[in-house]
Protein backbone atom coordinates (compact mmCIF):
# COMPACT_ATOMS: atom_id res chain seq x y z
CA MET A 1 -10.83 -7.01 -11.18
CA SER A 2 -10.74 -7.73 -15.03
CA ALA A 3 -8.06 -9.08 -17.45
CA HIS A 4 -8.07 -8.11 -21.41
CA GLY A 5 -6.16 -9.43 -23.73
CA HIS A 6 -6.50 -10.87 -27.26
CA SER A 7 -8.32 -14.05 -27.85
CA PRO A 8 -8.00 -16.63 -31.03
CA THR A 9 -10.47 -16.32 -33.47
CA SER A 10 -11.95 -19.74 -35.05
CA SER A 11 -12.51 -18.61 -38.25
CA PRO A 12 -10.36 -20.20 -41.10
CA GLU A 13 -10.29 -16.95 -42.98
CA VAL A 14 -8.67 -15.09 -40.10
CA PHE A 15 -5.20 -16.12 -38.61
CA PRO A 16 -4.64 -15.26 -35.21
CA VAL A 17 -1.64 -12.92 -34.27
CA VAL A 18 1.26 -15.26 -32.75
CA LEU A 19 2.53 -12.79 -30.06
CA PRO A 20 6.10 -13.52 -28.28
CA ASP A 21 6.03 -15.50 -25.15
CA VAL A 22 7.42 -12.65 -23.44
CA TYR A 23 4.08 -10.95 -23.85
CA PRO A 24 1.37 -13.55 -22.63
CA ASP A 25 -2.32 -12.37 -22.92
CA THR A 26 -2.73 -12.01 -19.05
CA PHE A 27 -1.13 -10.15 -16.45
CA THR A 28 -1.16 -12.25 -13.42
CA ASP A 29 -1.57 -11.33 -9.60
CA ALA A 30 2.30 -12.40 -9.22
CA ASP A 31 3.05 -9.77 -11.90
CA VAL A 32 1.42 -7.07 -10.16
CA ALA A 33 3.30 -7.93 -6.97
CA LEU A 34 6.53 -7.91 -9.02
CA VAL A 35 5.82 -4.38 -10.56
CA TYR A 36 5.22 -2.97 -7.02
CA ASP A 37 8.78 -3.96 -5.84
CA VAL A 38 10.31 -2.67 -9.17
CA GLU A 39 8.29 0.61 -8.41
CA ASN A 40 8.73 0.88 -5.03
CA PRO A 41 11.99 -0.15 -3.66
CA TRP A 42 12.53 0.68 -0.13
CA ASP A 43 15.24 3.27 0.14
CA ARG A 44 15.68 5.42 3.19
CA VAL A 45 18.29 7.50 1.44
CA GLY A 46 16.13 8.36 -1.44
CA PHE A 47 12.58 8.47 0.11
CA PRO A 48 11.47 10.34 3.15
CA GLN A 49 8.48 8.40 3.64
CA ASP A 50 10.75 5.17 3.99
CA ARG A 51 13.50 7.07 6.23
CA PHE A 52 10.78 8.12 8.59
CA PHE A 53 9.39 4.64 9.15
CA SER A 54 12.71 2.86 8.70
CA ASP A 55 13.88 4.93 11.84
CA LEU A 56 11.00 4.12 13.85
CA VAL A 57 11.38 0.34 13.02
CA ALA A 58 15.01 0.62 14.10
CA ALA A 59 14.08 1.84 17.61
CA ALA A 60 11.26 -0.38 18.20
CA GLY A 61 11.84 -3.96 19.66
CA SER A 62 8.79 -5.53 18.24
CA VAL A 63 6.93 -4.06 15.18
CA LEU A 64 3.81 -5.00 13.52
CA ASP A 65 3.35 -3.78 9.95
CA VAL A 66 -0.12 -3.79 8.73
CA GLY A 67 -0.72 -3.87 5.04
CA CYS A 68 2.94 -5.11 4.70
CA GLY A 69 2.62 -5.74 0.85
CA THR A 70 5.64 -7.37 -0.44
CA GLY A 71 7.42 -7.06 3.30
CA SER A 72 10.17 -4.88 1.99
CA MET A 73 10.38 -2.47 5.03
CA LEU A 74 10.83 -5.47 7.27
CA HIS A 75 13.30 -6.96 4.83
CA VAL A 76 15.29 -4.05 5.13
CA ALA A 77 14.83 -3.92 8.66
CA ARG A 78 16.53 -7.22 9.20
CA ASP A 79 19.10 -6.32 6.70
CA GLU A 80 20.20 -3.32 8.92
CA GLY A 81 20.32 -5.39 11.97
CA HIS A 82 16.96 -5.47 13.77
CA ALA A 83 17.19 -8.18 16.25
CA GLY A 84 13.64 -7.93 17.91
CA ARG A 85 10.10 -9.34 16.55
CA LEU A 86 8.81 -8.32 13.15
CA VAL A 87 5.39 -9.28 11.92
CA GLY A 88 3.79 -8.33 8.97
CA ILE A 89 0.17 -8.95 7.73
CA ASP A 90 -1.56 -8.35 4.24
CA PRO A 91 -4.73 -9.78 2.57
CA ASP A 92 -3.04 -10.47 -0.97
CA PRO A 93 -1.60 -13.86 -1.49
CA ALA A 94 0.62 -12.73 -4.17
CA MET A 95 2.20 -10.01 -2.20
CA LEU A 96 2.69 -12.44 0.60
CA ALA A 97 4.39 -14.93 -1.46
CA ARG A 98 7.18 -12.25 -2.28
CA ALA A 99 7.40 -11.27 1.42
CA ARG A 100 7.73 -14.93 2.19
CA ARG A 101 10.95 -15.34 0.34
CA ARG A 102 12.28 -14.08 3.67
CA THR A 103 11.84 -16.43 6.45
CA ASP A 104 13.23 -14.63 9.73
CA VAL A 105 10.00 -12.35 9.62
CA GLU A 106 6.55 -13.57 10.93
CA TRP A 107 4.10 -12.95 7.81
CA LEU A 108 0.45 -13.28 8.54
CA ALA A 109 -2.58 -13.50 5.67
CA GLY A 110 -5.64 -11.22 6.53
CA THR A 111 -6.70 -7.45 7.11
CA ALA A 112 -6.22 -5.16 9.94
CA ALA A 113 -9.42 -6.25 11.63
CA ASP A 114 -8.48 -10.04 11.55
CA LEU A 115 -5.63 -9.40 14.18
CA ALA A 116 -6.00 -11.21 17.12
CA HIS A 117 -2.85 -10.09 18.91
CA ASP A 118 -3.12 -8.55 22.60
CA GLY A 119 -0.67 -6.23 23.82
CA GLU A 120 2.36 -7.67 21.97
CA PHE A 121 3.89 -4.80 19.90
CA GLU A 122 5.69 -1.59 20.67
CA LEU A 123 5.12 -0.22 17.25
CA ALA A 124 2.26 -0.81 14.50
CA THR A 125 2.95 0.54 10.97
CA MET A 126 0.90 0.98 7.99
CA ALA A 127 3.16 2.40 5.14
CA SER A 128 2.52 3.58 1.46
CA ASN A 129 -1.05 5.06 2.29
CA ALA A 130 -2.45 1.70 3.16
CA PHE A 131 -4.47 3.31 5.64
CA GLN A 132 -6.84 4.84 2.88
CA CYS A 133 -7.82 1.06 1.91
CA LEU A 134 -10.02 1.48 5.11
CA VAL A 135 -13.04 2.76 3.20
CA THR A 136 -16.17 2.41 5.27
CA ASP A 137 -16.49 3.67 8.74
CA ASP A 138 -17.05 0.04 9.83
CA ASP A 139 -13.75 -0.72 8.34
CA LEU A 140 -12.02 1.72 10.14
CA ARG A 141 -13.52 0.80 13.45
CA ALA A 142 -12.80 -2.53 13.40
CA SER A 143 -9.21 -2.26 12.37
CA LEU A 144 -8.19 0.55 14.74
CA ALA A 145 -9.57 -1.51 17.33
CA ALA A 146 -7.70 -4.65 16.30
CA ILE A 147 -4.53 -2.55 16.24
CA ARG A 148 -4.96 -0.63 19.39
CA ARG A 149 -5.23 -4.27 20.96
CA ALA A 150 -2.27 -5.54 19.43
CA LEU A 151 -0.06 -2.55 21.15
CA ARG A 152 1.38 -2.50 24.37
CA PRO A 153 0.01 0.51 26.53
CA GLY A 154 1.93 3.37 25.28
CA GLY A 155 2.81 1.69 22.07
CA ALA A 156 2.73 3.78 18.84
CA PHE A 157 0.81 3.39 15.72
CA VAL A 158 2.46 5.46 12.84
CA PHE A 159 0.92 5.76 9.37
CA GLY A 160 0.28 8.26 6.73
CA THR A 161 -2.83 9.07 4.47
CA ARG A 162 -3.13 11.75 1.68
CA HIS A 163 -4.77 14.81 2.60
CA LEU A 164 -8.36 15.43 0.92
CA GLN A 165 -7.43 18.93 0.45
CA ALA A 166 -4.42 18.10 -1.81
CA ARG A 167 -6.96 16.38 -4.68
CA ALA A 168 -4.01 14.02 -5.50
CA TRP A 169 -6.29 11.93 -7.74
CA GLU A 170 -6.43 14.82 -10.06
CA ALA A 171 -3.08 13.62 -11.46
CA TRP A 172 -4.34 10.15 -11.81
CA ASN A 173 -4.97 10.06 -15.75
CA PRO A 174 -3.71 8.40 -18.72
CA ALA A 175 -1.87 11.46 -19.84
CA ASN A 176 0.58 10.51 -17.13
CA ALA A 177 1.13 6.97 -18.59
CA GLY A 178 4.58 5.59 -18.30
CA ASN A 179 6.75 2.53 -19.40
CA LEU A 180 8.77 0.42 -16.86
CA ASP A 181 11.16 -2.47 -17.62
CA LEU A 182 10.73 -5.53 -15.80
CA PRO A 183 13.69 -7.92 -14.60
CA ASP A 184 12.31 -10.68 -17.01
CA GLY A 185 12.87 -8.50 -20.20
CA ARG A 186 8.97 -7.28 -20.37
CA GLN A 187 8.31 -3.51 -20.92
CA ILE A 188 5.00 -2.58 -19.87
CA ARG A 189 2.85 0.57 -19.87
CA GLY A 190 0.89 1.71 -17.10
CA TRP A 191 -1.68 4.55 -16.21
CA HIS A 192 -4.37 5.23 -13.68
CA GLU A 193 -7.72 6.87 -14.63
CA VAL A 194 -10.45 8.09 -12.02
CA GLU A 195 -13.84 6.56 -12.45
CA LYS A 196 -15.73 8.42 -9.81
CA VAL A 197 -15.51 11.14 -7.03
CA ASP A 198 -17.99 10.65 -4.03
CA GLY A 199 -16.96 13.03 -1.65
CA ALA A 200 -13.77 11.46 0.35
CA LEU A 201 -14.17 8.55 -1.82
CA VAL A 202 -12.15 8.15 -5.18
CA THR A 203 -12.54 5.10 -7.45
CA PHE A 204 -10.05 4.78 -9.99
CA SER A 205 -8.80 1.97 -12.23
CA GLU A 206 -5.03 1.02 -13.19
CA THR A 207 -4.47 -0.39 -16.37
CA VAL A 208 -1.58 -2.49 -17.25
CA ALA A 209 -0.72 -2.52 -21.23
CA ARG A 210 2.01 -3.99 -23.56
CA PRO A 211 4.16 -0.82 -24.64
CA ASP A 212 1.85 -0.55 -27.66
CA GLY A 213 -1.04 0.37 -25.58
CA THR A 214 -3.13 -2.94 -25.70
CA PRO A 215 -4.44 -3.85 -22.48
CA LEU A 216 -3.41 -6.97 -20.29
CA ARG A 217 -5.21 -6.13 -17.02
CA VAL A 218 -7.35 -3.66 -15.37
CA ASP A 219 -7.76 -3.34 -11.68
CA ARG A 220 -10.31 -1.06 -9.74
CA THR A 221 -9.63 0.39 -6.32
CA THR A 222 -11.64 2.69 -4.07
CA LEU A 223 -9.64 4.87 -1.48
CA ARG A 224 -10.82 7.17 1.27
CA PHE A 225 -9.40 10.58 1.73
CA HIS A 226 -9.20 12.33 5.06
CA THR A 227 -8.87 15.64 6.69
CA PRO A 228 -7.67 15.64 10.33
CA GLY A 229 -11.50 16.52 11.33
CA THR A 230 -12.57 13.44 9.92
CA LEU A 231 -9.50 11.23 10.91
CA ASN A 232 -8.91 12.09 14.45
CA PRO A 233 -12.28 10.98 15.72
CA PHE A 234 -11.86 7.49 14.81
CA LEU A 235 -8.30 7.37 16.47
CA LEU A 236 -9.83 8.93 19.55
CA ALA A 237 -12.72 6.39 19.56
CA ALA A 238 -10.48 3.29 19.39
CA GLY A 239 -8.19 4.34 22.38
CA PHE A 240 -5.72 6.16 20.86
CA ALA A 241 -3.99 9.75 21.67
CA VAL A 242 -2.70 11.67 18.66
CA GLU A 243 0.81 12.58 19.72
CA HIS A 244 2.12 14.20 16.46
CA GLN A 245 0.72 15.13 13.01
CA PHE A 246 2.78 16.05 10.19
CA GLY A 247 1.95 17.73 6.84
CA ASP A 248 4.75 15.74 5.13
CA TRP A 249 7.37 12.93 5.64
CA ASN A 250 10.14 15.29 6.90
CA ARG A 251 8.01 16.33 9.95
CA GLY A 252 6.82 19.55 8.40
CA ARG A 253 4.04 21.32 9.78
CA LEU A 254 0.51 20.14 8.94
CA GLY A 255 -1.40 22.96 7.11
CA ALA A 256 -3.32 24.58 4.75
CA GLY A 257 -0.99 23.53 1.83
CA SER A 258 -0.48 19.92 3.16
CA ARG A 259 -0.49 16.90 0.76
CA GLU A 260 -0.20 14.09 3.41
CA ILE A 261 -1.30 13.73 7.14
CA VAL A 262 1.39 11.71 8.79
CA THR A 263 0.42 10.63 12.21
CA ILE A 264 1.96 9.21 15.24
CA ALA A 265 -0.94 7.69 17.75
CA ARG A 266 -0.26 6.70 21.03
CA ALA A 267 -2.17 3.57 22.53
CA GLY A 268 -3.79 4.68 25.96
C-alpha cells in the first residue's frame, strides 16, 4: 500500500500550493472504511446479494460473519430484531472500528484461519466476495478448516465468489473512474487498474484521487477466482458437503453464462 500527494518544497523561489483542509494530502485507512460504507450500504430491497444473506441470517440462531468488514450485515440483522448470537471477524482495524460502533454484536480481530471456535454456530457467512481474498492453497485449507470447526454439525457455510469464466477484471480499468461524495463534504475520484493476471490470480490497484485526478492513495490487492472444479475439492477436503451452488444471487442455475458461484455448504 502506498499513499501519494503533494510534498512542500524548500526552495525559496517556489511557493507550495496551499490546499484546502477538506482535501488533505493523505487518505487514511479510516477514510477507506468510510468510503466502503458509503459505496456499499446494506440494502436487502435493492441488492439481491444482501437479501440472500439477510434471509439466511434471520433464520439462524447463531451467526459467524467471516470478513465482516464494517459490520453492516450484522448491524442490520440487529435492527431487524435478530436476538441470537452474532459474531463478526475481520483483520482490518479501521473496518472493525466502524463495526464496533455497535456494541450488541461480538467483534473479533483476525482472519478466518485465526478462528478458535468449536461447534458454536449454525451459520457462517462470507459476503462481498471476501472468499476471493483467500489466495493460496494453504490460505484456503486453513480458513476452511477453521470455519468448519466453528460450525455445529449440519451448520451451513454460505459465500459467493466471482466465477473465473466471467473475467470480471476486464471491466476494472481507469475508463470506469467515478466520483463519490463523502458525508464530510469531500468529493473523491476512484478507479481500478489491473496490473497482472496469472491464471486464476488477478492483481489490481485501486486509486483514490481528488476530483482533478491527483492521487491520494493507491492500494494493491490480489484476488483468486474459481470455477466449481477448483473450488469444490477444497470444500470437500475440509469436511463440507456442497448442498447448493447457484449462478447468481437470485438462485439462478449455475452454468456457462454464470458470473457468480453462490455456495451453500454443510458441515459434515
